[in-house]
Amino acid sequence: MEQKKSLSKIIATIVFGIVFIIIAIVSCNQSKTIEGSNNGDTVAAKEFTPHVENGKLNIDLQSITSIRFPKYKTTKTIPFIPDSVSLAADEESVESGNYSATLLLDTIPNKEFYQRIDLAAQHDTCWDINKFAYTYERKDKAGGVYKVVFSKGGQQIFVTHLNKDMIKIRIKRSRTNKHHNTPLIMLRF
């Protein structure tokens, strides 16, 4: 009788183990199905990443500023990591969308190029033009911010892009935009 109880305990333990393993396998397969399902509410990560070809960031200044720039190439790109973010530098890349890039124009732009910018600045409040410094700041469709800076007669263009979650905006009311009587939005990078 004692042997039957012992044998039935062993059989019950084996059956319980098999049922437990089956439940574990079924639950793992269901979680994979949920993660991989396409519910239509999500947007692919590639929609938020900048255009990178062959490991190089492709920056289209015309799509950013609506001004056609002379031919240029990207010479340097670095991920932008503010002091307030505690990420290791090797964990961040330009593909995240937070970057600073240096572009080099093939030639020094002619007078017509700067005249086109001056004309555009009369209608586009994103332009800030000093004597020799040109700055263009605007939000993108996802709420991030582009900042393009270059100087008259120079060949280097500096482009910075920050995603929405990295921007801290404060409105400086003492200065207004020279083309419109609206407060100038200062961005702290």
N, C-alpha and C. Protein backbone atom coordinates (compact mmCIF):
# COMPACT_ATOMS: atom_id res chain seq x y z
N MET A 1 0.82 -1.18 0.00
CA MET A 1 0.00 0.00 0.00
C MET A 1 0.88 1.26 0.00
N GLU A 2 1.92 1.17 0.81
CA GLU A 2 2.85 2.29 0.90
C GLU A 2 3.56 2.51 -0.44
N GLN A 3 3.84 1.41 -1.14
CA GLN A 3 4.48 1.52 -2.44
C GLN A 3 3.54 2.16 -3.46
N LYS A 4 2.25 1.88 -3.39
CA LYS A 4 1.28 2.47 -4.30
C LYS A 4 1.19 3.98 -4.09
N LYS A 5 1.22 4.43 -2.81
CA LYS A 5 1.18 5.87 -2.53
C LYS A 5 2.44 6.54 -3.06
N SER A 6 3.56 5.92 -2.88
CA SER A 6 4.83 6.45 -3.36
C SER A 6 4.83 6.52 -4.88
N LEU A 7 4.35 5.44 -5.52
CA LEU A 7 4.28 5.41 -6.98
C LEU A 7 3.29 6.45 -7.51
N SER A 8 2.17 6.62 -6.86
CA SER A 8 1.20 7.62 -7.30
C SER A 8 1.73 9.05 -7.10
N LYS A 9 2.56 9.28 -6.07
CA LYS A 9 3.19 10.59 -5.88
C LYS A 9 4.16 10.87 -7.02
N ILE A 10 4.91 9.89 -7.41
CA ILE A 10 5.88 10.06 -8.51
C ILE A 10 5.14 10.35 -9.81
N ILE A 11 4.07 9.60 -10.08
CA ILE A 11 3.29 9.81 -11.31
C ILE A 11 2.64 11.20 -11.28
N ALA A 12 2.11 11.60 -10.14
CA ALA A 12 1.49 12.92 -10.03
C ALA A 12 2.53 14.02 -10.25
N THR A 13 3.74 13.83 -9.73
CA THR A 13 4.81 14.82 -9.92
C THR A 13 5.19 14.91 -11.39
N ILE A 14 5.28 13.78 -12.08
CA ILE A 14 5.64 13.78 -13.50
C ILE A 14 4.55 14.47 -14.32
N VAL A 15 3.29 14.14 -14.04
CA VAL A 15 2.16 14.76 -14.76
C VAL A 15 2.15 16.27 -14.50
N PHE A 16 2.35 16.68 -13.25
CA PHE A 16 2.40 18.10 -12.90
C PHE A 16 3.53 18.80 -13.65
N GLY A 17 4.70 18.16 -13.72
CA GLY A 17 5.84 18.73 -14.45
C GLY A 17 5.55 18.91 -15.92
N ILE A 18 4.91 17.90 -16.53
CA ILE A 18 4.58 17.97 -17.96
C ILE A 18 3.57 19.09 -18.21
N VAL A 19 2.56 19.20 -17.36
CA VAL A 19 1.56 20.27 -17.51
C VAL A 19 2.23 21.64 -17.35
N PHE A 20 3.13 21.76 -16.38
CA PHE A 20 3.84 23.03 -16.15
C PHE A 20 4.67 23.42 -17.38
N ILE A 21 5.38 22.47 -17.98
CA ILE A 21 6.20 22.74 -19.17
C ILE A 21 5.31 23.16 -20.34
N ILE A 22 4.17 22.49 -20.51
CA ILE A 22 3.25 22.84 -21.60
C ILE A 22 2.72 24.26 -21.42
N ILE A 23 2.34 24.61 -20.20
CA ILE A 23 1.85 25.98 -19.93
C ILE A 23 2.94 27.00 -20.22
N ALA A 24 4.17 26.72 -19.84
CA ALA A 24 5.29 27.65 -20.08
C ALA A 24 5.51 27.85 -21.57
N ILE A 25 5.48 26.77 -22.34
CA ILE A 25 5.69 26.87 -23.79
C ILE A 25 4.57 27.65 -24.44
N VAL A 26 3.33 27.39 -24.06
CA VAL A 26 2.18 28.10 -24.64
C VAL A 26 2.25 29.59 -24.32
N SER A 27 2.59 29.94 -23.09
CA SER A 27 2.65 31.36 -22.73
C SER A 27 3.78 32.07 -23.45
N CYS A 28 4.92 31.41 -23.67
CA CYS A 28 6.02 32.03 -24.42
C CYS A 28 5.62 32.28 -25.87
N ASN A 29 4.94 31.33 -26.48
CA ASN A 29 4.51 31.50 -27.87
C ASN A 29 3.48 32.60 -28.00
N GLN A 30 2.59 32.78 -27.02
CA GLN A 30 1.60 33.84 -27.08
C GLN A 30 2.26 35.20 -26.97
N SER A 31 3.28 35.36 -26.13
CA SER A 31 3.93 36.66 -26.00
C SER A 31 4.67 37.03 -27.27
N LYS A 32 5.23 36.07 -27.96
CA LYS A 32 5.88 36.37 -29.24
C LYS A 32 4.87 36.83 -30.26
N THR A 33 3.70 36.25 -30.27
CA THR A 33 2.65 36.63 -31.20
C THR A 33 2.18 38.05 -30.92
N ILE A 34 2.04 38.41 -29.68
CA ILE A 34 1.59 39.75 -29.33
C ILE A 34 2.63 40.79 -29.72
N GLU A 35 3.91 40.54 -29.43
CA GLU A 35 4.96 41.49 -29.77
C GLU A 35 5.12 41.65 -31.26
N GLY A 36 4.96 40.60 -32.01
CA GLY A 36 5.18 40.66 -33.45
C GLY A 36 3.95 41.05 -34.24
N SER A 37 2.80 41.19 -33.59
CA SER A 37 1.59 41.50 -34.34
C SER A 37 1.59 42.94 -34.82
N ASN A 38 0.92 43.18 -35.89
CA ASN A 38 0.82 44.52 -36.46
C ASN A 38 -0.57 45.06 -36.15
N ASN A 39 -0.65 45.92 -35.13
CA ASN A 39 -1.97 46.43 -34.75
C ASN A 39 -2.30 47.77 -35.40
N GLY A 40 -1.44 48.30 -36.26
CA GLY A 40 -1.74 49.51 -36.99
C GLY A 40 -1.50 50.80 -36.22
N ASP A 41 -1.35 50.74 -34.92
CA ASP A 41 -1.13 51.94 -34.13
C ASP A 41 0.33 52.33 -34.05
N THR A 42 1.21 51.44 -34.35
CA THR A 42 2.64 51.71 -34.20
C THR A 42 3.22 52.25 -35.50
N VAL A 43 4.30 52.98 -35.36
CA VAL A 43 5.03 53.51 -36.50
C VAL A 43 6.42 52.90 -36.45
N ALA A 44 6.90 52.44 -37.57
CA ALA A 44 8.20 51.78 -37.61
C ALA A 44 9.29 52.73 -37.15
N ALA A 45 10.28 52.18 -36.46
CA ALA A 45 11.38 52.99 -35.94
C ALA A 45 12.14 53.69 -37.07
N LYS A 46 12.15 53.09 -38.26
CA LYS A 46 12.88 53.71 -39.37
C LYS A 46 12.29 55.06 -39.78
N GLU A 47 11.02 55.31 -39.43
CA GLU A 47 10.39 56.59 -39.75
C GLU A 47 10.98 57.73 -38.92
N PHE A 48 11.55 57.41 -37.78
CA PHE A 48 12.09 58.44 -36.90
C PHE A 48 13.59 58.62 -37.03
N THR A 49 14.25 57.72 -37.69
CA THR A 49 15.69 57.80 -37.79
C THR A 49 16.09 58.64 -38.99
N PRO A 50 17.21 59.34 -38.89
CA PRO A 50 17.67 60.11 -40.04
C PRO A 50 18.13 59.18 -41.16
N HIS A 51 18.23 59.72 -42.36
CA HIS A 51 18.64 58.93 -43.51
C HIS A 51 20.14 58.65 -43.41
N VAL A 52 20.50 57.39 -43.28
CA VAL A 52 21.89 56.99 -43.20
C VAL A 52 22.17 56.03 -44.33
N GLU A 53 23.13 56.37 -45.17
CA GLU A 53 23.51 55.51 -46.28
C GLU A 53 24.97 55.13 -46.11
N ASN A 54 25.25 53.84 -46.18
CA ASN A 54 26.61 53.32 -46.02
C ASN A 54 27.28 53.85 -44.76
N GLY A 55 26.52 53.96 -43.69
CA GLY A 55 27.08 54.42 -42.43
C GLY A 55 27.25 55.92 -42.33
N LYS A 56 26.90 56.66 -43.38
CA LYS A 56 27.03 58.12 -43.38
C LYS A 56 25.65 58.76 -43.33
N LEU A 57 25.53 59.80 -42.54
CA LEU A 57 24.28 60.53 -42.40
C LEU A 57 24.04 61.37 -43.65
N ASN A 58 22.84 61.26 -44.21
CA ASN A 58 22.48 62.02 -45.41
C ASN A 58 21.60 63.20 -44.98
N ILE A 59 22.13 64.41 -45.04
CA ILE A 59 21.41 65.61 -44.62
C ILE A 59 21.00 66.39 -45.86
N ASP A 60 19.70 66.63 -46.00
CA ASP A 60 19.17 67.37 -47.14
C ASP A 60 18.81 68.78 -46.68
N LEU A 61 19.70 69.73 -46.92
CA LEU A 61 19.48 71.10 -46.46
C LEU A 61 18.29 71.75 -47.14
N GLN A 62 18.01 71.39 -48.38
CA GLN A 62 16.87 71.98 -49.07
C GLN A 62 15.56 71.56 -48.41
N SER A 63 15.46 70.32 -47.98
CA SER A 63 14.22 69.90 -47.32
C SER A 63 14.09 70.53 -45.93
N ILE A 64 15.19 70.89 -45.32
CA ILE A 64 15.15 71.54 -44.00
C ILE A 64 14.81 73.01 -44.13
N THR A 65 15.51 73.72 -45.03
CA THR A 65 15.41 75.19 -45.11
C THR A 65 14.57 75.70 -46.27
N SER A 66 14.24 74.87 -47.23
CA SER A 66 13.55 75.27 -48.47
C SER A 66 14.41 76.16 -49.35
N ILE A 67 15.70 76.16 -49.13
CA ILE A 67 16.65 76.90 -49.96
C ILE A 67 17.59 75.89 -50.61
N ARG A 68 17.82 76.06 -51.90
CA ARG A 68 18.75 75.16 -52.58
C ARG A 68 20.18 75.61 -52.28
N PHE A 69 20.95 74.72 -51.70
CA PHE A 69 22.34 75.01 -51.35
C PHE A 69 23.26 74.50 -52.45
N PRO A 70 24.44 75.11 -52.58
CA PRO A 70 25.43 74.55 -53.51
C PRO A 70 25.81 73.14 -53.07
N LYS A 71 26.47 72.40 -53.92
CA LYS A 71 26.83 71.02 -53.62
C LYS A 71 27.71 70.97 -52.37
N TYR A 72 27.43 69.97 -51.51
CA TYR A 72 28.17 69.83 -50.26
C TYR A 72 28.28 68.35 -49.89
N LYS A 73 29.15 68.08 -48.94
CA LYS A 73 29.28 66.72 -48.43
C LYS A 73 29.41 66.76 -46.92
N THR A 74 29.01 65.67 -46.28
CA THR A 74 29.09 65.57 -44.83
C THR A 74 30.50 65.15 -44.47
N THR A 75 31.17 65.96 -43.65
CA THR A 75 32.53 65.63 -43.26
C THR A 75 32.63 65.01 -41.88
N LYS A 76 31.69 65.36 -41.00
CA LYS A 76 31.78 64.86 -39.63
C LYS A 76 30.39 64.79 -39.02
N THR A 77 30.07 63.69 -38.37
CA THR A 77 28.82 63.57 -37.63
C THR A 77 29.14 62.98 -36.27
N ILE A 78 28.54 63.57 -35.26
CA ILE A 78 28.71 63.04 -33.91
C ILE A 78 27.35 63.01 -33.23
N PRO A 79 27.10 62.00 -32.43
CA PRO A 79 25.84 61.98 -31.68
C PRO A 79 25.84 63.10 -30.66
N PHE A 80 24.69 63.71 -30.46
CA PHE A 80 24.56 64.81 -29.51
C PHE A 80 24.06 64.24 -28.19
N ILE A 81 24.86 64.37 -27.15
CA ILE A 81 24.49 63.86 -25.83
C ILE A 81 24.58 65.01 -24.83
N PRO A 82 23.44 65.58 -24.44
CA PRO A 82 23.47 66.66 -23.46
C PRO A 82 23.97 66.18 -22.10
N ASP A 83 24.44 67.11 -21.28
CA ASP A 83 24.95 66.78 -19.95
C ASP A 83 23.89 66.16 -19.07
N SER A 84 22.63 66.52 -19.30
CA SER A 84 21.55 66.05 -18.44
C SER A 84 21.17 64.60 -18.69
N VAL A 85 21.67 64.01 -19.77
CA VAL A 85 21.33 62.64 -20.09
C VAL A 85 22.47 61.74 -19.64
N SER A 86 22.14 60.72 -18.90
CA SER A 86 23.18 59.83 -18.40
C SER A 86 23.29 58.59 -19.27
N LEU A 87 23.79 58.77 -20.45
CA LEU A 87 24.05 57.67 -21.36
C LEU A 87 25.54 57.62 -21.63
N ALA A 88 26.05 56.45 -21.80
CA ALA A 88 27.45 56.33 -22.19
C ALA A 88 27.57 56.75 -23.64
N ALA A 89 28.64 57.43 -23.97
CA ALA A 89 28.82 57.93 -25.33
C ALA A 89 28.82 56.81 -26.36
N ASP A 90 29.29 55.63 -25.98
CA ASP A 90 29.31 54.54 -26.95
C ASP A 90 27.95 53.90 -27.16
N GLU A 91 26.95 54.25 -26.34
CA GLU A 91 25.60 53.73 -26.51
C GLU A 91 24.77 54.60 -27.44
N GLU A 92 25.18 55.80 -27.71
CA GLU A 92 24.41 56.74 -28.53
C GLU A 92 25.02 56.79 -29.93
N SER A 93 24.16 56.94 -30.95
CA SER A 93 24.63 57.06 -32.32
C SER A 93 23.78 58.10 -33.04
N VAL A 94 24.24 58.53 -34.22
CA VAL A 94 23.51 59.54 -34.98
C VAL A 94 22.16 59.00 -35.46
N GLU A 95 22.01 57.68 -35.54
CA GLU A 95 20.75 57.10 -35.98
C GLU A 95 19.62 57.39 -35.00
N SER A 96 19.95 57.76 -33.76
CA SER A 96 18.92 58.06 -32.77
C SER A 96 18.19 59.36 -33.11
N GLY A 97 18.80 60.20 -33.95
CA GLY A 97 18.18 61.47 -34.34
C GLY A 97 18.75 62.67 -33.61
N ASN A 98 19.54 62.45 -32.59
CA ASN A 98 20.19 63.54 -31.86
C ASN A 98 21.64 63.59 -32.33
N TYR A 99 21.94 64.56 -33.17
CA TYR A 99 23.29 64.61 -33.74
C TYR A 99 23.71 66.04 -34.06
N SER A 100 24.98 66.18 -34.25
CA SER A 100 25.58 67.41 -34.74
C SER A 100 26.45 67.01 -35.92
N ALA A 101 26.34 67.75 -37.01
CA ALA A 101 27.09 67.39 -38.22
C ALA A 101 27.76 68.62 -38.81
N THR A 102 28.90 68.40 -39.43
CA THR A 102 29.62 69.44 -40.14
C THR A 102 29.58 69.10 -41.62
N LEU A 103 29.07 70.04 -42.41
CA LEU A 103 29.00 69.87 -43.86
C LEU A 103 30.02 70.81 -44.50
N LEU A 104 30.56 70.40 -45.62
CA LEU A 104 31.54 71.23 -46.33
C LEU A 104 31.05 71.47 -47.74
N LEU A 105 30.88 72.77 -48.08
CA LEU A 105 30.47 73.14 -49.43
C LEU A 105 31.63 72.94 -50.39
N ASP A 106 31.33 72.50 -51.61
CA ASP A 106 32.38 72.31 -52.61
C ASP A 106 32.98 73.65 -53.05
N THR A 107 32.14 74.70 -53.08
CA THR A 107 32.61 76.03 -53.47
C THR A 107 32.05 77.06 -52.49
N ILE A 108 32.64 78.22 -52.50
CA ILE A 108 32.09 79.32 -51.71
C ILE A 108 30.86 79.85 -52.45
N PRO A 109 29.72 79.97 -51.77
CA PRO A 109 28.49 80.41 -52.45
C PRO A 109 28.62 81.82 -53.03
N ASN A 110 27.89 82.03 -54.12
CA ASN A 110 27.92 83.35 -54.76
C ASN A 110 26.90 84.30 -54.10
N LYS A 111 26.86 85.55 -54.58
CA LYS A 111 25.97 86.57 -54.00
C LYS A 111 24.50 86.21 -54.14
N GLU A 112 24.15 85.57 -55.25
CA GLU A 112 22.76 85.20 -55.48
C GLU A 112 22.24 84.24 -54.40
N PHE A 113 23.09 83.36 -53.92
CA PHE A 113 22.70 82.42 -52.87
C PHE A 113 22.30 83.19 -51.61
N TYR A 114 23.12 84.15 -51.20
CA TYR A 114 22.83 84.93 -50.00
C TYR A 114 21.62 85.85 -50.21
N GLN A 115 21.41 86.31 -51.44
CA GLN A 115 20.23 87.12 -51.74
C GLN A 115 18.96 86.27 -51.63
N ARG A 116 19.03 85.01 -52.07
CA ARG A 116 17.87 84.11 -51.92
C ARG A 116 17.52 83.90 -50.45
N ILE A 117 18.54 83.77 -49.61
CA ILE A 117 18.30 83.59 -48.18
C ILE A 117 17.71 84.87 -47.58
N ASP A 118 18.26 86.03 -47.95
CA ASP A 118 17.72 87.30 -47.44
C ASP A 118 16.25 87.46 -47.84
N LEU A 119 15.93 87.08 -49.07
CA LEU A 119 14.55 87.16 -49.54
C LEU A 119 13.65 86.18 -48.77
N ALA A 120 14.13 84.97 -48.57
CA ALA A 120 13.36 83.98 -47.83
C ALA A 120 13.17 84.40 -46.37
N ALA A 121 14.15 85.06 -45.80
CA ALA A 121 14.08 85.49 -44.39
C ALA A 121 13.00 86.55 -44.17
N GLN A 122 12.62 87.25 -45.23
CA GLN A 122 11.55 88.24 -45.10
C GLN A 122 10.20 87.57 -44.84
N HIS A 123 10.06 86.31 -45.25
CA HIS A 123 8.79 85.59 -45.08
C HIS A 123 8.89 84.44 -44.09
N ASP A 124 10.08 83.91 -43.91
CA ASP A 124 10.28 82.75 -43.05
C ASP A 124 10.96 83.20 -41.76
N THR A 125 10.23 83.15 -40.66
CA THR A 125 10.75 83.64 -39.38
C THR A 125 11.77 82.70 -38.75
N CYS A 126 12.04 81.58 -39.36
CA CYS A 126 13.04 80.65 -38.84
C CYS A 126 14.46 81.15 -39.06
N TRP A 127 14.63 82.08 -40.01
CA TRP A 127 15.95 82.62 -40.31
C TRP A 127 16.31 83.74 -39.34
N ASP A 128 17.54 83.74 -38.86
CA ASP A 128 18.10 84.84 -38.07
C ASP A 128 19.42 85.21 -38.73
N ILE A 129 19.47 86.43 -39.27
CA ILE A 129 20.65 86.83 -40.03
C ILE A 129 21.30 88.03 -39.35
N ASN A 130 22.57 87.86 -39.01
CA ASN A 130 23.38 88.98 -38.53
C ASN A 130 24.25 89.42 -39.71
N LYS A 131 25.26 90.23 -39.47
CA LYS A 131 26.09 90.69 -40.59
C LYS A 131 26.65 89.54 -41.41
N PHE A 132 27.31 88.61 -40.74
CA PHE A 132 27.94 87.52 -41.47
C PHE A 132 27.47 86.13 -41.01
N ALA A 133 26.61 86.07 -40.02
CA ALA A 133 26.17 84.78 -39.49
C ALA A 133 24.72 84.50 -39.89
N TYR A 134 24.50 83.30 -40.38
CA TYR A 134 23.17 82.86 -40.79
C TYR A 134 22.77 81.68 -39.90
N THR A 135 21.60 81.79 -39.29
CA THR A 135 21.09 80.72 -38.43
C THR A 135 19.66 80.41 -38.85
N TYR A 136 19.37 79.13 -38.98
CA TYR A 136 18.02 78.68 -39.33
C TYR A 136 17.61 77.66 -38.28
N GLU A 137 16.51 77.93 -37.57
CA GLU A 137 15.99 77.01 -36.56
C GLU A 137 14.52 76.75 -36.85
N ARG A 138 14.16 75.46 -36.89
CA ARG A 138 12.76 75.11 -37.10
C ARG A 138 12.47 73.73 -36.54
N LYS A 139 11.18 73.54 -36.21
CA LYS A 139 10.73 72.23 -35.74
C LYS A 139 10.46 71.33 -36.94
N ASP A 140 10.68 70.04 -36.75
CA ASP A 140 10.30 69.09 -37.79
C ASP A 140 8.92 68.52 -37.47
N LYS A 141 8.42 67.64 -38.30
CA LYS A 141 7.06 67.11 -38.14
C LYS A 141 6.88 66.32 -36.86
N ALA A 142 7.96 65.72 -36.34
CA ALA A 142 7.87 64.90 -35.13
C ALA A 142 8.09 65.72 -33.86
N GLY A 143 8.28 67.04 -33.99
CA GLY A 143 8.49 67.89 -32.82
C GLY A 143 9.95 68.12 -32.48
N GLY A 144 10.85 67.52 -33.23
CA GLY A 144 12.28 67.76 -33.03
C GLY A 144 12.67 69.10 -33.62
N VAL A 145 13.91 69.51 -33.42
CA VAL A 145 14.36 70.81 -33.90
C VAL A 145 15.65 70.68 -34.70
N TYR A 146 15.66 71.35 -35.87
CA TYR A 146 16.86 71.49 -36.67
C TYR A 146 17.45 72.86 -36.41
N LYS A 147 18.76 72.93 -36.37
CA LYS A 147 19.47 74.21 -36.30
C LYS A 147 20.61 74.15 -37.31
N VAL A 148 20.58 75.08 -38.27
CA VAL A 148 21.59 75.16 -39.31
C VAL A 148 22.31 76.49 -39.15
N VAL A 149 23.64 76.46 -39.05
CA VAL A 149 24.42 77.68 -38.82
C VAL A 149 25.58 77.71 -39.81
N PHE A 150 25.79 78.86 -40.44
CA PHE A 150 26.95 79.05 -41.32
C PHE A 150 27.25 80.54 -41.42
N SER A 151 28.43 80.85 -41.92
CA SER A 151 28.81 82.26 -42.03
C SER A 151 28.97 82.63 -43.50
N LYS A 152 28.76 83.89 -43.78
CA LYS A 152 28.85 84.39 -45.15
C LYS A 152 30.30 84.27 -45.62
N GLY A 153 30.48 83.69 -46.79
CA GLY A 153 31.81 83.54 -47.36
C GLY A 153 32.53 82.28 -46.89
N GLY A 154 31.92 81.54 -45.98
CA GLY A 154 32.55 80.32 -45.48
C GLY A 154 32.06 79.09 -46.22
N GLN A 155 32.76 78.00 -46.02
CA GLN A 155 32.38 76.76 -46.69
C GLN A 155 31.82 75.72 -45.72
N GLN A 156 31.90 75.98 -44.41
CA GLN A 156 31.39 75.02 -43.44
C GLN A 156 29.96 75.37 -43.02
N ILE A 157 29.15 74.33 -42.88
CA ILE A 157 27.79 74.47 -42.38
C ILE A 157 27.65 73.50 -41.21
N PHE A 158 27.12 73.99 -40.11
CA PHE A 158 26.92 73.15 -38.93
C PHE A 158 25.43 72.88 -38.76
N VAL A 159 25.08 71.62 -38.68
CA VAL A 159 23.68 71.21 -38.55
C VAL A 159 23.54 70.41 -37.25
N THR A 160 22.53 70.79 -36.47
CA THR A 160 22.23 70.06 -35.25
C THR A 160 20.76 69.65 -35.30
N HIS A 161 20.48 68.43 -34.88
CA HIS A 161 19.09 67.98 -34.78
C HIS A 161 18.89 67.33 -33.43
N LEU A 162 17.82 67.72 -32.76
CA LEU A 162 17.44 67.10 -31.50
C LEU A 162 16.01 66.61 -31.60
N ASN A 163 15.77 65.45 -31.05
CA ASN A 163 14.41 64.93 -30.98
C ASN A 163 13.61 65.69 -29.94
N LYS A 164 12.30 65.57 -30.01
CA LYS A 164 11.38 66.32 -29.16
C LYS A 164 11.69 66.15 -27.67
N ASP A 165 12.04 64.94 -27.26
CA ASP A 165 12.27 64.69 -25.84
C ASP A 165 13.56 65.31 -25.31
N MET A 166 14.40 65.86 -26.16
CA MET A 166 15.67 66.44 -25.74
C MET A 166 15.63 67.98 -25.71
N ILE A 167 14.49 68.58 -26.02
CA ILE A 167 14.41 70.03 -26.17
C ILE A 167 13.83 70.67 -24.91
N LYS A 168 14.48 71.74 -24.48
CA LYS A 168 13.95 72.56 -23.40
C LYS A 168 13.75 73.96 -23.99
N ILE A 169 12.50 74.41 -24.02
CA ILE A 169 12.19 75.69 -24.66
C ILE A 169 11.89 76.74 -23.59
N ARG A 170 12.44 77.91 -23.81
CA ARG A 170 12.05 79.04 -22.98
C ARG A 170 11.86 80.22 -23.92
N ILE A 171 10.89 81.03 -23.65
CA ILE A 171 10.60 82.18 -24.51
C ILE A 171 11.26 83.40 -23.92
N LYS A 172 12.05 84.05 -24.74
CA LYS A 172 12.73 85.27 -24.32
C LYS A 172 11.91 86.44 -24.84
N ARG A 173 11.28 87.17 -23.97
CA ARG A 173 10.34 88.22 -24.37
C ARG A 173 11.02 89.56 -24.62
N SER A 174 12.25 89.72 -24.23
CA SER A 174 12.89 91.02 -24.39
C SER A 174 13.28 91.28 -25.84
N ARG A 175 13.46 90.22 -26.63
CA ARG A 175 13.84 90.37 -28.03
C ARG A 175 12.72 89.84 -28.91
N THR A 176 12.39 90.53 -29.96
CA THR A 176 11.40 90.02 -30.91
C THR A 176 12.06 89.80 -32.25
N ASN A 177 11.46 88.97 -33.03
CA ASN A 177 11.97 88.69 -34.36
C ASN A 177 11.87 89.97 -35.19
N LYS A 178 12.89 90.25 -35.97
CA LYS A 178 12.91 91.51 -36.71
C LYS A 178 11.87 91.59 -37.83
N HIS A 179 11.37 90.43 -38.30
CA HIS A 179 10.41 90.46 -39.39
C HIS A 179 8.97 90.43 -38.91
N HIS A 180 8.73 89.88 -37.76
CA HIS A 180 7.39 89.81 -37.20
C HIS A 180 7.47 90.18 -35.73
N ASN A 181 6.41 90.66 -35.19
CA ASN A 181 6.40 91.10 -33.80
C ASN A 181 6.01 89.95 -32.87
N THR A 182 6.69 88.82 -32.99
CA THR A 182 6.42 87.66 -32.15
C THR A 182 7.63 87.38 -31.28
N PRO A 183 7.42 86.81 -30.10
CA PRO A 183 8.57 86.48 -29.26
C PRO A 183 9.48 85.45 -29.94
N LEU A 184 10.75 85.59 -29.70
CA LEU A 184 11.74 84.69 -30.26
C LEU A 184 11.88 83.49 -29.33
N ILE A 185 11.82 82.30 -29.87
CA ILE A 185 11.96 81.10 -29.05
C ILE A 185 13.43 80.73 -29.04
N MET A 186 13.97 80.67 -27.84
CA MET A 186 15.38 80.31 -27.67
C MET A 186 15.45 78.84 -27.30
N LEU A 187 16.31 78.11 -27.94
CA LEU A 187 16.46 76.70 -27.66
C LEU A 187 17.76 76.49 -26.91
N ARG A 188 17.70 75.73 -25.82
CA ARG A 188 18.91 75.40 -25.09
C ARG A 188 19.31 74.00 -25.47
N PHE A 189 20.47 73.88 -26.09
CA PHE A 189 20.98 72.55 -26.48
C PHE A 189 21.93 72.07 -25.41
